[in-house]
Amino acid sequence: MDNVGIMIDWMKKNSVRINQAKFMTEKELFNK
C-alpha cells in the first residue's frame, strides 16, 4: 500500500473515533 492509501485509511479510522468521542461528550453534556 502506498503512503496516500495509508493516510486515507488512517484518517477514516480516526474520523470514526473522533465522531464517537464527540457523540459521547455531547451525550454526557446533555445528561448534565
Protein backbone atom coordinates (compact mmCIF):
# COMPACT_ATOMS: atom_id res chain seq x y z
CA MET A 1 0.00 0.00 0.00
CA ASP A 2 1.29 3.47 -0.83
CA ASN A 3 1.55 6.35 1.65
CA VAL A 4 -1.59 8.07 0.32
CA GLY A 5 -3.62 4.90 0.85
CA ILE A 6 -2.21 4.53 4.37
CA MET A 7 -3.06 8.17 5.17
CA ILE A 8 -6.63 7.82 3.84
CA ASP A 9 -7.11 4.58 5.81
CA TRP A 10 -5.70 6.22 8.97
CA MET A 11 -7.92 9.28 8.52
CA LYS A 12 -11.04 7.11 8.07
CA LYS A 13 -10.27 5.14 11.25
CA ASN A 14 -9.50 8.28 13.24
CA SER A 15 -12.51 10.23 11.94
CA VAL A 16 -14.76 7.40 13.20
CA ARG A 17 -13.06 7.53 16.61
CA ILE A 18 -13.30 11.34 16.72
CA ASN A 19 -17.01 11.23 15.81
CA GLN A 20 -17.67 8.60 18.51
CA ALA A 21 -15.78 10.66 21.10
CA LYS A 22 -17.68 13.81 20.08
CA PHE A 23 -21.00 11.96 20.33
CA MET A 24 -20.11 10.60 23.77
CA THR A 25 -19.11 14.03 25.12
CA GLU A 26 -22.29 15.58 23.68
CA LYS A 27 -24.38 12.88 25.41
CA GLU A 28 -22.53 13.47 28.69
CA LEU A 29 -23.01 17.24 28.44
CA PHE A 30 -26.70 16.76 27.57
CA ASN A 31 -27.23 14.49 30.59
CA LYS A 32 -25.71 17.12 32.91
